[in-house]
């Protein structure tokens, strides 16, 4: 598959990146796969960030010793990480409910199928 838009302006052909071979064509749902990949990456980053915060909070909790201010800050970080994970999981629930209401499928927003002309 050659992209000839470059050829219109400069008289040459541009080869698409090899990674585009992992996606379907536009009419077969390729953009939906790309959106799903981006969502999966964002969810993974959110989970890793929460895990990293838990580790830092645990280290801060252990190194606080008898300092009540340090213990309080460590607990605050633990609570913030838990709240972040609740929001991350809650977004799945909200997306499922909206998907059922609007599209009749719980995974409609998490597994998009873009219908293009």
PDB file of N, CA and C in Angstrom:
ATOM      1  N   UNK A   1       0.851  -1.176   0.000  1.00  0.00           N
ATOM      2  CA  UNK A   1       0.000   0.000   0.000  1.00  0.00           C
ATOM      3  C   UNK A   1       0.894   1.235   0.000  1.00  0.00           C
ATOM      4  N   UNK A   2       0.728   2.062  -0.983  1.00  0.00           N
ATOM      5  CA  UNK A   2       1.506   3.293  -1.080  1.00  0.00           C
ATOM      6  C   UNK A   2       0.601   4.484  -0.837  1.00  0.00           C
ATOM      7  N   UNK A   3       1.092   5.420  -0.087  1.00  0.00           N
ATOM      8  CA  UNK A   3       0.358   6.663   0.127  1.00  0.00           C
ATOM      9  C   UNK A   3       0.839   7.659  -0.914  1.00  0.00           C
ATOM     10  N   UNK A   4      -0.060   8.136  -1.739  1.00  0.00           N
ATOM     11  CA  UNK A   4       0.361   8.980  -2.848  1.00  0.00           C
ATOM     12  C   UNK A   4       0.078  10.457  -2.611  1.00  0.00           C
ATOM     13  N   UNK A   5      -0.335  10.852  -1.393  1.00  0.00           N
ATOM     14  CA  UNK A   5      -0.552  12.266  -1.107  1.00  0.00           C
ATOM     15  C   UNK A   5       0.763  13.030  -1.240  1.00  0.00           C
ATOM     16  N   UNK A   6       1.824  12.449  -0.772  1.00  0.00           N
ATOM     17  CA  UNK A   6       3.140  13.061  -0.926  1.00  0.00           C
ATOM     18  C   UNK A   6       3.482  13.183  -2.401  1.00  0.00           C
ATOM     19  N   UNK A   7       3.086  12.177  -3.171  1.00  0.00           N
ATOM     20  CA  UNK A   7       3.352  12.184  -4.601  1.00  0.00           C
ATOM     21  C   UNK A   7       2.647  13.307  -5.328  1.00  0.00           C
ATOM     22  N   UNK A   8       1.506  13.737  -4.811  1.00  0.00           N
ATOM     23  CA  UNK A   8       0.796  14.847  -5.431  1.00  0.00           C
ATOM     24  C   UNK A   8       1.602  16.133  -5.349  1.00  0.00           C
ATOM     25  N   UNK A   9       2.336  16.322  -4.261  1.00  0.00           N
ATOM     26  CA  UNK A   9       3.060  17.568  -4.059  1.00  0.00           C
ATOM     27  C   UNK A   9       4.523  17.487  -4.480  1.00  0.00           C
ATOM     28  N   UNK A  10       5.165  16.341  -4.257  1.00  0.00           N
ATOM     29  CA  UNK A  10       6.609  16.259  -4.482  1.00  0.00           C
ATOM     30  C   UNK A  10       7.003  15.226  -5.524  1.00  0.00           C
ATOM     31  N   UNK A  11       6.064  14.512  -6.086  1.00  0.00           N
ATOM     32  CA  UNK A  11       6.361  13.569  -7.156  1.00  0.00           C
ATOM     33  C   UNK A  11       6.947  12.253  -6.693  1.00  0.00           C
ATOM     34  N   UNK A  12       6.839  11.895  -5.422  1.00  0.00           N
ATOM     35  CA  UNK A  12       7.386  10.643  -4.925  1.00  0.00           C
ATOM     36  C   UNK A  12       6.332   9.829  -4.195  1.00  0.00           C
ATOM     37  N   UNK A  13       6.720   8.688  -3.706  1.00  0.00           N
ATOM     38  CA  UNK A  13       5.807   7.826  -2.956  1.00  0.00           C
ATOM     39  C   UNK A  13       6.322   7.683  -1.526  1.00  0.00           C
ATOM     40  N   UNK A  14       5.370   7.601  -0.600  1.00  0.00           N
ATOM     41  CA  UNK A  14       5.698   7.441   0.806  1.00  0.00           C
ATOM     42  C   UNK A  14       5.188   6.087   1.249  1.00  0.00           C
ATOM     43  N   UNK A  15       6.047   5.290   1.828  1.00  0.00           N
ATOM     44  CA  UNK A  15       5.649   3.990   2.359  1.00  0.00           C
ATOM     45  C   UNK A  15       5.134   4.188   3.780  1.00  0.00           C
ATOM     46  N   UNK A  16       3.993   3.589   4.119  1.00  0.00           N
ATOM     47  CA  UNK A  16       3.501   3.715   5.494  1.00  0.00           C
ATOM     48  C   UNK A  16       4.412   2.961   6.457  1.00  0.00           C
ATOM     49  N   UNK A  17       4.427   3.369   7.717  1.00  0.00           N
ATOM     50  CA  UNK A  17       5.242   2.660   8.700  1.00  0.00           C
ATOM     51  C   UNK A  17       4.824   1.189   8.809  1.00  0.00           C
ATOM     52  N   UNK A  18       5.761   0.331   9.117  1.00  0.00           N
ATOM     53  CA  UNK A  18       5.485  -1.096   9.203  1.00  0.00           C
ATOM     54  C   UNK A  18       4.491  -1.421  10.309  1.00  0.00           C
ATOM     55  N   UNK A  19       4.446  -0.594  11.356  1.00  0.00           N
ATOM     56  CA  UNK A  19       3.533  -0.855  12.471  1.00  0.00           C
ATOM     57  C   UNK A  19       2.075  -0.728  12.059  1.00  0.00           C
ATOM     58  N   UNK A  20       1.786  -0.011  10.979  1.00  0.00           N
ATOM     59  CA  UNK A  20       0.402   0.099  10.526  1.00  0.00           C
ATOM     60  C   UNK A  20      -0.131  -1.229  10.003  1.00  0.00           C
ATOM     61  N   UNK A  21       0.746  -2.155   9.710  1.00  0.00           N
ATOM     62  CA  UNK A  21       0.314  -3.487   9.288  1.00  0.00           C
ATOM     63  C   UNK A  21      -0.382  -4.254  10.402  1.00  0.00           C
ATOM     64  N   UNK A  22      -0.230  -3.807  11.649  1.00  0.00           N
ATOM     65  CA  UNK A  22      -0.888  -4.470  12.777  1.00  0.00           C
ATOM     66  C   UNK A  22      -2.362  -4.107  12.883  1.00  0.00           C
ATOM     67  N   UNK A  23      -2.790  -3.064  12.177  1.00  0.00           N
ATOM     68  CA  UNK A  23      -4.174  -2.607  12.235  1.00  0.00           C
ATOM     69  C   UNK A  23      -4.899  -2.984  10.954  1.00  0.00           C
ATOM     70  N   UNK A  24      -6.209  -3.133  11.071  1.00  0.00           N
ATOM     71  CA  UNK A  24      -7.027  -3.389   9.897  1.00  0.00           C
ATOM     72  C   UNK A  24      -7.111  -2.126   9.052  1.00  0.00           C
ATOM     73  N   UNK A  25      -7.688  -2.273   7.876  1.00  0.00           N
ATOM     74  CA  UNK A  25      -7.917  -1.118   7.022  1.00  0.00           C
ATOM     75  C   UNK A  25      -8.981  -0.234   7.652  1.00  0.00           C
ATOM     76  N   UNK A  26      -9.134   0.958   7.120  1.00  0.00           N
ATOM     77  CA  UNK A  26     -10.089   1.912   7.668  1.00  0.00           C
ATOM     78  C   UNK A  26     -11.497   1.352   7.615  1.00  0.00           C
ATOM     79  N   UNK A  27     -11.851   0.738   6.507  1.00  0.00           N
ATOM     80  CA  UNK A  27     -13.213   0.215   6.382  1.00  0.00           C
ATOM     81  C   UNK A  27     -13.430  -1.066   7.171  1.00  0.00           C
ATOM     82  N   UNK A  28     -12.379  -1.658   7.707  1.00  0.00           N
ATOM     83  CA  UNK A  28     -12.504  -2.876   8.512  1.00  0.00           C
ATOM     84  C   UNK A  28     -12.350  -2.616  10.004  1.00  0.00           C
ATOM     85  N   UNK A  29     -12.352  -1.346  10.420  1.00  0.00           N
ATOM     86  CA  UNK A  29     -12.314  -1.031  11.844  1.00  0.00           C
ATOM     87  C   UNK A  29     -10.961  -0.662  12.387  1.00  0.00           C
ATOM     88  N   UNK A  30     -10.021  -0.274  11.554  1.00  0.00           N
ATOM     89  CA  UNK A  30      -8.686   0.112  12.007  1.00  0.00           C
ATOM     90  C   UNK A  30      -8.667   1.272  12.972  1.00  0.00           C
ATOM     91  N   UNK A  31      -9.422   2.353  12.708  1.00  0.00           N
ATOM     92  CA  UNK A  31      -9.433   3.467  13.678  1.00  0.00           C
ATOM     93  C   UNK A  31      -9.974   3.056  15.046  1.00  0.00           C
ATOM     94  N   UNK A  32     -10.949   2.155  15.079  1.00  0.00           N
ATOM     95  CA  UNK A  32     -11.459   1.656  16.356  1.00  0.00           C
ATOM     96  C   UNK A  32     -10.400   0.894  17.118  1.00  0.00           C
ATOM     97  N   UNK A  33      -9.588   0.119  16.395  1.00  0.00           N
ATOM     98  CA  UNK A  33      -8.490  -0.597  17.040  1.00  0.00           C
ATOM     99  C   UNK A  33      -7.471   0.372  17.614  1.00  0.00           C
ATOM    100  N   UNK A  34      -7.209   1.462  16.893  1.00  0.00           N
ATOM    101  CA  UNK A  34      -6.258   2.457  17.374  1.00  0.00           C
ATOM    102  C   UNK A  34      -6.773   3.136  18.644  1.00  0.00           C
ATOM    103  N   UNK A  35      -8.054   3.489  18.669  1.00  0.00           N
ATOM    104  CA  UNK A  35      -8.648   4.108  19.861  1.00  0.00           C
ATOM    105  C   UNK A  35      -8.587   3.141  21.037  1.00  0.00           C
ATOM    106  N   UNK A  36      -8.884   1.866  20.788  1.00  0.00           N
ATOM    107  CA  UNK A  36      -8.839   0.869  21.857  1.00  0.00           C
ATOM    108  C   UNK A  36      -7.417   0.701  22.379  1.00  0.00           C
ATOM    109  N   UNK A  37      -6.432   0.725  21.497  1.00  0.00           N
ATOM    110  CA  UNK A  37      -5.036   0.618  21.919  1.00  0.00           C
ATOM    111  C   UNK A  37      -4.646   1.805  22.796  1.00  0.00           C
ATOM    112  N   UNK A  38      -5.062   3.011  22.414  1.00  0.00           N
ATOM    113  CA  UNK A  38      -4.751   4.203  23.206  1.00  0.00           C
ATOM    114  C   UNK A  38      -5.410   4.121  24.580  1.00  0.00           C
ATOM    115  N   UNK A  39      -6.682   3.671  24.628  1.00  0.00           N
ATOM    116  CA  UNK A  39      -7.362   3.515  25.917  1.00  0.00           C
ATOM    117  C   UNK A  39      -6.650   2.493  26.799  1.00  0.00           C
ATOM    118  N   UNK A  40      -6.235   1.382  26.210  1.00  0.00           N
ATOM    119  CA  UNK A  40      -5.533   0.355  26.989  1.00  0.00           C
ATOM    120  C   UNK A  40      -4.213   0.879  27.544  1.00  0.00           C
ATOM    121  N   UNK A  41      -3.506   1.662  26.753  1.00  0.00           N
ATOM    122  CA  UNK A  41      -2.237   2.217  27.219  1.00  0.00           C
ATOM    123  C   UNK A  41      -2.470   3.205  28.360  1.00  0.00           C
ATOM    124  N   UNK A  42      -3.506   4.051  28.238  1.00  0.00           N
ATOM    125  CA  UNK A  42      -3.807   5.006  29.303  1.00  0.00           C
ATOM    126  C   UNK A  42      -4.211   4.299  30.598  1.00  0.00           C
ATOM    127  N   UNK A  43      -4.968   3.224  30.491  1.00  0.00           N
ATOM    128  CA  UNK A  43      -5.368   2.465  31.675  1.00  0.00           C
ATOM    129  C   UNK A  43      -4.151   1.808  32.316  1.00  0.00           C
ATOM    130  N   UNK A  44      -3.266   1.281  31.503  1.00  0.00           N
ATOM    131  CA  UNK A  44      -2.038   0.674  32.022  1.00  0.00           C
ATOM    132  C   UNK A  44      -1.179   1.720  32.735  1.00  0.00           C
ATOM    133  N   UNK A  45      -1.050   2.885  32.153  1.00  0.00           N
ATOM    134  CA  UNK A  45      -0.265   3.959  32.783  1.00  0.00           C
ATOM    135  C   UNK A  45      -0.887   4.363  34.107  1.00  0.00           C
ATOM    136  N   UNK A  46      -2.223   4.464  34.158  1.00  0.00           N
ATOM    137  CA  UNK A  46      -2.900   4.812  35.410  1.00  0.00           C
ATOM    138  C   UNK A  46      -2.660   3.771  36.495  1.00  0.00           C
ATOM    139  N   UNK A  47      -2.724   2.507  36.148  1.00  0.00           N
ATOM    140  CA  UNK A  47      -2.474   1.448  37.123  1.00  0.00           C
ATOM    141  C   UNK A  47      -1.035   1.436  37.610  1.00  0.00           C
ATOM    142  N   UNK A  48      -0.091   1.630  36.696  1.00  0.00           N
ATOM    143  CA  UNK A  48       1.318   1.666  37.097  1.00  0.00           C
ATOM    144  C   UNK A  48       1.615   2.884  37.973  1.00  0.00           C
ATOM    145  N   UNK A  49       0.965   4.005  37.669  1.00  0.00           N
ATOM    146  CA  UNK A  49       1.151   5.199  38.487  1.00  0.00           C
ATOM    147  C   UNK A  49       0.621   4.971  39.906  1.00  0.00           C
ATOM    148  N   UNK A  50      -0.534   4.316  40.018  1.00  0.00           N
ATOM    149  CA  UNK A  50      -1.087   4.018  41.347  1.00  0.00           C
ATOM    150  C   UNK A  50      -0.163   3.060  42.107  1.00  0.00           C
ATOM    151  N   UNK A  51       0.367   2.050  41.418  1.00  0.00           N
ATOM    152  CA  UNK A  51       1.296   1.120  42.058  1.00  0.00           C
ATOM    153  C   UNK A  51       2.547   1.851  42.537  1.00  0.00           C
ATOM    154  N   UNK A  52       3.081   2.732  41.704  1.00  0.00           N
ATOM    155  CA  UNK A  52       4.255   3.510  42.074  1.00  0.00           C
ATOM    156  C   UNK A  52       3.970   4.383  43.298  1.00  0.00           C
ATOM    157  N   UNK A  53       2.776   4.993  43.340  1.00  0.00           N
ATOM    158  CA  UNK A  53       2.405   5.811  44.498  1.00  0.00           C
ATOM    159  C   UNK A  53       2.269   4.965  45.751  1.00  0.00           C
ATOM    160  N   UNK A  54       1.719   3.760  45.636  1.00  0.00           N
ATOM    161  CA  UNK A  54       1.631   2.862  46.790  1.00  0.00           C
ATOM    162  C   UNK A  54       3.024   2.527  47.316  1.00  0.00           C
ATOM    163  N   UNK A  55       3.951   2.252  46.408  1.00  0.00           N
ATOM    164  CA  UNK A  55       5.310   1.932  46.847  1.00  0.00           C
ATOM    165  C   UNK A  55       5.971   3.122  47.535  1.00  0.00           C
ATOM    166  N   UNK A  56       5.805   4.300  46.957  1.00  0.00           N
ATOM    167  CA  UNK A  56       6.382   5.496  47.590  1.00  0.00           C
ATOM    168  C   UNK A  56       5.729   5.782  48.939  1.00  0.00           C
ATOM    169  N   UNK A  57       4.422   5.584  49.026  1.00  0.00           N
ATOM    170  CA  UNK A  57       3.722   5.809  50.291  1.00  0.00           C
ATOM    171  C   UNK A  57       4.172   4.799  51.338  1.00  0.00           C
ATOM    172  N   UNK A  58       4.363   3.551  50.933  1.00  0.00           N
ATOM    173  CA  UNK A  58       4.851   2.543  51.872  1.00  0.00           C
ATOM    174  C   UNK A  58       6.246   2.870  52.371  1.00  0.00           C
ATOM    175  N   UNK A  59       7.106   3.320  51.472  1.00  0.00           N
ATOM    176  CA  UNK A  59       8.447   3.708  51.889  1.00  0.00           C
ATOM    177  C   UNK A  59       8.393   4.910  52.833  1.00  0.00           C
ATOM    178  N   UNK A  60       7.541   5.891  52.501  1.00  0.00           N
ATOM    179  CA  UNK A  60       7.400   7.068  53.371  1.00  0.00           C
ATOM    180  C   UNK A  60       6.835   6.670  54.730  1.00  0.00           C
ATOM    181  N   UNK A  61       5.919   5.716  54.731  1.00  0.00           N
ATOM    182  CA  UNK A  61       5.329   5.245  55.990  1.00  0.00           C
ATOM    183  C   UNK A  61       6.372   4.551  56.853  1.00  0.00           C
ATOM    184  N   UNK A  62       7.196   3.721  56.225  1.00  0.00           N
ATOM    185  CA  UNK A  62       8.229   3.008  56.991  1.00  0.00           C
ATOM    186  C   UNK A  62       9.337   3.941  57.459  1.00  0.00           C
ATOM    187  N   UNK A  63       9.666   4.940  56.668  1.00  0.00           N
ATOM    188  CA  UNK A  63      10.760   5.832  57.049  1.00  0.00           C
ATOM    189  C   UNK A  63      10.302   6.977  57.947  1.00  0.00           C
ATOM    190  N   UNK A  64       8.999   7.090  58.188  1.00  0.00           N
ATOM    191  CA  UNK A  64       8.497   8.180  59.030  1.00  0.00           C
ATOM    192  C   UNK A  64       8.890   7.983  60.489  1.00  0.00           C
ATOM    193  N   UNK A  65       8.975   6.743  60.920  1.00  0.00           N
ATOM    194  CA  UNK A  65       9.351   6.476  62.306  1.00  0.00           C
ATOM    195  C   UNK A  65       8.321   7.012  63.281  1.00  0.00           C
ATOM    196  N   UNK A  66       8.770   7.839  64.219  1.00  0.00           N
ATOM    197  CA  UNK A  66       7.875   8.417  65.223  1.00  0.00           C
ATOM    198  C   UNK A  66       7.347   9.789  64.817  1.00  0.00           C
ATOM    199  N   UNK A  67       7.652  10.222  63.611  1.00  0.00           N
ATOM    200  CA  UNK A  67       7.215  11.533  63.147  1.00  0.00           C
ATOM    201  C   UNK A  67       5.743  11.460  62.716  1.00  0.00           C
ATOM    202  N   UNK A  68       4.829  12.037  63.502  1.00  0.00           N
ATOM    203  CA  UNK A  68       3.406  11.941  63.148  1.00  0.00           C
ATOM    204  C   UNK A  68       3.071  12.664  61.843  1.00  0.00           C
ATOM    205  N   UNK A  69       3.817  13.721  61.521  1.00  0.00           N
ATOM    206  CA  UNK A  69       3.567  14.449  60.262  1.00  0.00           C
ATOM    207  C   UNK A  69       3.916  13.568  59.056  1.00  0.00           C
ATOM    208  N   UNK A  70       5.007  12.816  59.146  1.00  0.00           N
ATOM    209  CA  UNK A  70       5.405  11.906  58.069  1.00  0.00           C
ATOM    210  C   UNK A  70       4.413  10.773  57.885  1.00  0.00           C
ATOM    211  N   UNK A  71       3.918  10.231  59.014  1.00  0.00           N
ATOM    212  CA  UNK A  71       2.923   9.162  58.946  1.00  0.00           C
ATOM    213  C   UNK A  71       1.638   9.690  58.315  1.00  0.00           C
ATOM    214  N   UNK A  72       1.265  10.902  58.689  1.00  0.00           N
ATOM    215  CA  UNK A  72       0.047  11.510  58.143  1.00  0.00           C
ATOM    216  C   UNK A  72       0.177  11.732  56.630  1.00  0.00           C
ATOM    217  N   UNK A  73       1.349  12.167  56.186  1.00  0.00           N
ATOM    218  CA  UNK A  73       1.563  12.371  54.755  1.00  0.00           C
ATOM    219  C   UNK A  73       1.558  11.048  53.997  1.00  0.00           C
ATOM    220  N   UNK A  74       2.110  10.005  54.612  1.00  0.00           N
ATOM    221  CA  UNK A  74       2.110   8.693  53.965  1.00  0.00           C
ATOM    222  C   UNK A  74       0.694   8.156  53.833  1.00  0.00           C
ATOM    223  N   UNK A  75      -0.110   8.294  54.882  1.00  0.00           N
ATOM    224  CA  UNK A  75      -1.505   7.854  54.805  1.00  0.00           C
ATOM    225  C   UNK A  75      -2.278   8.655  53.766  1.00  0.00           C
ATOM    226  N   UNK A  76      -1.983   9.953  53.661  1.00  0.00           N
ATOM    227  CA  UNK A  76      -2.649  10.785  52.658  1.00  0.00           C
ATOM    228  C   UNK A  76      -2.326  10.283  51.249  1.00  0.00           C
ATOM    229  N   UNK A  77      -1.081   9.894  51.027  1.00  0.00           N
ATOM    230  CA  UNK A  77      -0.696   9.381  49.709  1.00  0.00           C
ATOM    231  C   UNK A  77      -1.359   8.035  49.439  1.00  0.00           C
ATOM    232  N   UNK A  78      -1.477   7.210  50.469  1.00  0.00           N
ATOM    233  CA  UNK A  78      -2.162   5.920  50.302  1.00  0.00           C
ATOM    234  C   UNK A  78      -3.629   6.148  49.963  1.00  0.00           C
ATOM    235  N   UNK A  79      -4.276   7.066  50.676  1.00  0.00           N
ATOM    236  CA  UNK A  79      -5.684   7.364  50.400  1.00  0.00           C
ATOM    237  C   UNK A  79      -5.855   7.933  48.999  1.00  0.00           C
ATOM    238  N   UNK A  80      -4.951   8.799  48.580  1.00  0.00           N
ATOM    239  CA  UNK A  80      -5.044   9.374  47.240  1.00  0.00           C
ATOM    240  C   UNK A  80      -4.874   8.300  46.172  1.00  0.00           C
ATOM    241  N   UNK A  81      -4.003   7.331  46.405  1.00  0.00           N
ATOM    242  CA  UNK A  81      -3.828   6.242  45.449  1.00  0.00           C
ATOM    243  C   UNK A  81      -5.078   5.377  45.378  1.00  0.00           C
ATOM    244  N   UNK A  82      -5.683   5.115  46.521  1.00  0.00           N
ATOM    245  CA  UNK A  82      -6.914   4.321  46.528  1.00  0.00           C
ATOM    246  C   UNK A  82      -8.026   5.066  45.808  1.00  0.00           C
ATOM    247  N   UNK A  83      -8.146   6.362  46.046  1.00  0.00           N
ATOM    248  CA  UNK A  83      -9.170   7.157  45.362  1.00  0.00           C
ATOM    249  C   UNK A  83      -8.917   7.159  43.852  1.00  0.00           C
ATOM    250  N   UNK A  84      -7.663   7.258  43.437  1.00  0.00           N
ATOM    251  CA  UNK A  84      -7.331   7.199  42.013  1.00  0.00           C
ATOM    252  C   UNK A  84      -7.727   5.879  41.385  1.00  0.00           C
ATOM    253  N   UNK A  85      -7.471   4.776  42.094  1.00  0.00           N
ATOM    254  CA  UNK A  85      -7.871   3.467  41.575  1.00  0.00           C
ATOM    255  C   UNK A  85      -9.388   3.320  41.528  1.00  0.00           C
ATOM    256  N   UNK A  86     -10.079   3.904  42.503  1.00  0.00           N
ATOM    257  CA  UNK A  86     -11.545   3.871  42.482  1.00  0.00           C
ATOM    258  C   UNK A  86     -12.068   4.628  41.262  1.00  0.00           C
ATOM    259  N   UNK A  87     -11.472   5.768  40.957  1.00  0.00           N
ATOM    260  CA  UNK A  87     -11.875   6.512  39.760  1.00  0.00           C
ATOM    261  C   UNK A  87     -11.563   5.722  38.490  1.00  0.00           C
ATOM    262  N   UNK A  88     -10.423   5.040  38.456  1.00  0.00           N
ATOM    263  CA  UNK A  88     -10.047   4.252  37.283  1.00  0.00           C
ATOM    264  C   UNK A  88     -11.037   3.124  37.057  1.00  0.00           C
ATOM    265  N   UNK A  89     -11.387   2.414  38.115  1.00  0.00           N
ATOM    266  CA  UNK A  89     -12.359   1.326  37.997  1.00  0.00           C
ATOM    267  C   UNK A  89     -13.762   1.888  37.755  1.00  0.00           C
ATOM    268  N   UNK A  90     -14.077   3.001  38.406  1.00  0.00           N
ATOM    269  CA  UNK A  90     -15.383   3.628  38.209  1.00  0.00           C
ATOM    270  C   UNK A  90     -15.606   4.087  36.781  1.00  0.00           C
ATOM    271  N   UNK A  91     -14.533   4.461  36.101  1.00  0.00           N
ATOM    272  CA  UNK A  91     -14.680   4.872  34.705  1.00  0.00           C
ATOM    273  C   UNK A  91     -15.135   3.699  33.847  1.00  0.00           C
ATOM    274  N   UNK A  92     -14.687   2.482  34.183  1.00  0.00           N
ATOM    275  CA  UNK A  92     -15.167   1.294  33.467  1.00  0.00           C
ATOM    276  C   UNK A  92     -16.656   1.083  33.701  1.00  0.00           C
ATOM    277  N   UNK A  93     -17.081   1.258  34.929  1.00  0.00           N
ATOM    278  CA  UNK A  93     -18.499   1.073  35.263  1.00  0.00           C
ATOM    279  C   UNK A  93     -19.353   2.103  34.531  1.00  0.00           C
ATOM    280  N   UNK A  94     -18.924   3.356  34.560  1.00  0.00           N
ATOM    281  CA  UNK A  94     -19.678   4.411  33.884  1.00  0.00           C
ATOM    282  C   UNK A  94     -19.704   4.167  32.376  1.00  0.00           C
ATOM    283  N   UNK A  95     -18.566   3.781  31.805  1.00  0.00           N
ATOM    284  CA  UNK A  95     -18.524   3.488  30.366  1.00  0.00           C
ATOM    285  C   UNK A  95     -19.441   2.314  30.021  1.00  0.00           C
ATOM    286  N   UNK A  96     -19.494   1.311  30.887  1.00  0.00           N
ATOM    287  CA  UNK A  96     -20.388   0.168  30.649  1.00  0.00           C
ATOM    288  C   UNK A  96     -21.851   0.558  30.715  1.00  0.00           C
ATOM    289  N   UNK A  97     -22.217   1.372  31.696  1.00  0.00           N
ATOM    290  CA  UNK A  97     -23.614   1.804  31.829  1.00  0.00           C
ATOM    291  C   UNK A  97     -24.023   2.677  30.646  1.00  0.00           C
ATOM    292  N   UNK A  98     -23.160   3.617  30.259  1.00  0.00           N
ATOM    293  CA  UNK A  98     -23.471   4.473  29.112  1.00  0.00           C
ATOM    294  C   UNK A  98     -23.549   3.639  27.835  1.00  0.00           C
ATOM    295  N   UNK A  99     -22.655   2.671  27.704  1.00  0.00           N
ATOM    296  CA  UNK A  99     -22.688   1.800  26.533  1.00  0.00           C
ATOM    297  C   UNK A  99     -23.970   0.995  26.451  1.00  0.00           C
ATOM    298  N   UNK A 100     -24.456   0.497  27.586  1.00  0.00           N
ATOM    299  CA  UNK A 100     -25.712  -0.259  27.589  1.00  0.00           C
ATOM    300  C   UNK A 100     -26.879   0.655  27.250  1.00  0.00           C
ATOM    301  N   UNK A 101     -26.895   1.850  27.822  1.00  0.00           N
ATOM    302  CA  UNK A 101     -28.015   2.770  27.595  1.00  0.00           C
ATOM    303  C   UNK A 101     -28.061   3.235  26.142  1.00  0.00           C
ATOM    304  N   UNK A 102     -26.933   3.628  25.592  1.00  0.00           N
ATOM    305  CA  UNK A 102     -26.921   4.228  24.257  1.00  0.00           C
ATOM    306  C   UNK A 102     -26.795   3.182  23.155  1.00  0.00           C
ATOM    307  N   UNK A 103     -25.879   2.228  23.308  1.00  0.00           N
ATOM    308  CA  UNK A 103     -25.569   1.297  22.228  1.00  0.00           C
ATOM    309  C   UNK A 103     -26.108  -0.114  22.441  1.00  0.00           C
ATOM    310  N   UNK A 104     -26.552  -0.439  23.645  1.00  0.00           N
ATOM    311  CA  UNK A 104     -27.054  -1.779  23.911  1.00  0.00           C
ATOM    312  C   UNK A 104     -25.962  -2.796  24.190  1.00  0.00           C
ATOM    313  N   UNK A 105     -24.693  -2.351  24.274  1.00  0.00           N
ATOM    314  CA  UNK A 105     -23.565  -3.232  24.585  1.00  0.00           C
ATOM    315  C   UNK A 105     -22.743  -2.593  25.690  1.00  0.00           C
ATOM    316  N   UNK A 106     -22.354  -3.382  26.658  1.00  0.00           N
ATOM    317  CA  UNK A 106     -21.573  -2.831  27.776  1.00  0.00           C
ATOM    318  C   UNK A 106     -20.172  -2.432  27.338  1.00  0.00           C
ATOM    319  N   UNK A 107     -19.625  -3.080  26.341  1.00  0.00           N
ATOM    320  CA  UNK A 107     -18.255  -2.775  25.916  1.00  0.00           C
ATOM    321  C   UNK A 107     -18.201  -1.849  24.708  1.00  0.00           C
ATOM    322  N   UNK A 108     -19.277  -1.169  24.400  1.00  0.00           N
ATOM    323  CA  UNK A 108     -19.317  -0.324  23.202  1.00  0.00           C
ATOM    324  C   UNK A 108     -18.323   0.826  23.267  1.00  0.00           C
ATOM    325  N   UNK A 109     -18.127   1.414  24.421  1.00  0.00           N
ATOM    326  CA  UNK A 109     -17.175   2.527  24.529  1.00  0.00           C
ATOM    327  C   UNK A 109     -15.754   2.055  24.771  1.00  0.00           C
ATOM    328  N   UNK A 110     -15.588   0.871  25.336  1.00  0.00           N
ATOM    329  CA  UNK A 110     -14.241   0.344  25.604  1.00  0.00           C
ATOM    330  C   UNK A 110     -13.679  -0.430  24.434  1.00  0.00           C
ATOM    331  N   UNK A 111     -14.533  -0.891  23.553  1.00  0.00           N
ATOM    332  CA  UNK A 111     -14.130  -1.629  22.360  1.00  0.00           C
ATOM    333  C   UNK A 111     -14.846  -1.003  21.166  1.00  0.00           C
ATOM    334  N   UNK A 112     -14.452   0.215  20.774  1.00  0.00           N
ATOM    335  CA  UNK A 112     -15.212   0.940  19.763  1.00  0.00           C
ATOM    336  C   UNK A 112     -15.101   0.328  18.380  1.00  0.00           C
ATOM    337  N   UNK A 113     -16.198   0.394  17.660  1.00  0.00           N
ATOM    338  CA  UNK A 113     -16.223   0.013  16.256  1.00  0.00           C
ATOM    339  C   UNK A 113     -16.683   1.254  15.505  1.00  0.00           C
ATOM    340  N   UNK A 114     -15.755   1.895  14.827  1.00  0.00           N
ATOM    341  CA  UNK A 114     -16.074   3.112  14.111  1.00  0.00           C
ATOM    342  C   UNK A 114     -16.526   2.743  12.701  1.00  0.00           C
ATOM    343  N   UNK A 115     -17.733   3.146  12.360  1.00  0.00           N
ATOM    344  CA  UNK A 115     -18.264   2.878  11.027  1.00  0.00           C
ATOM    345  C   UNK A 115     -18.029   4.117  10.189  1.00  0.00           C
ATOM    346  N   UNK A 116     -17.183   3.961   9.196  1.00  0.00           N
ATOM    347  CA  UNK A 116     -16.806   5.093   8.349  1.00  0.00           C
ATOM    348  C   UNK A 116     -17.402   4.900   6.967  1.00  0.00           C
ATOM    349  N   UNK A 117     -17.647   5.992   6.260  1.00  0.00           N
ATOM    350  CA  UNK A 117     -18.217   5.872   4.909  1.00  0.00           C
ATOM    351  C   UNK A 117     -17.259   5.233   3.937  1.00  0.00           C
TER     352      UNK A 117
END
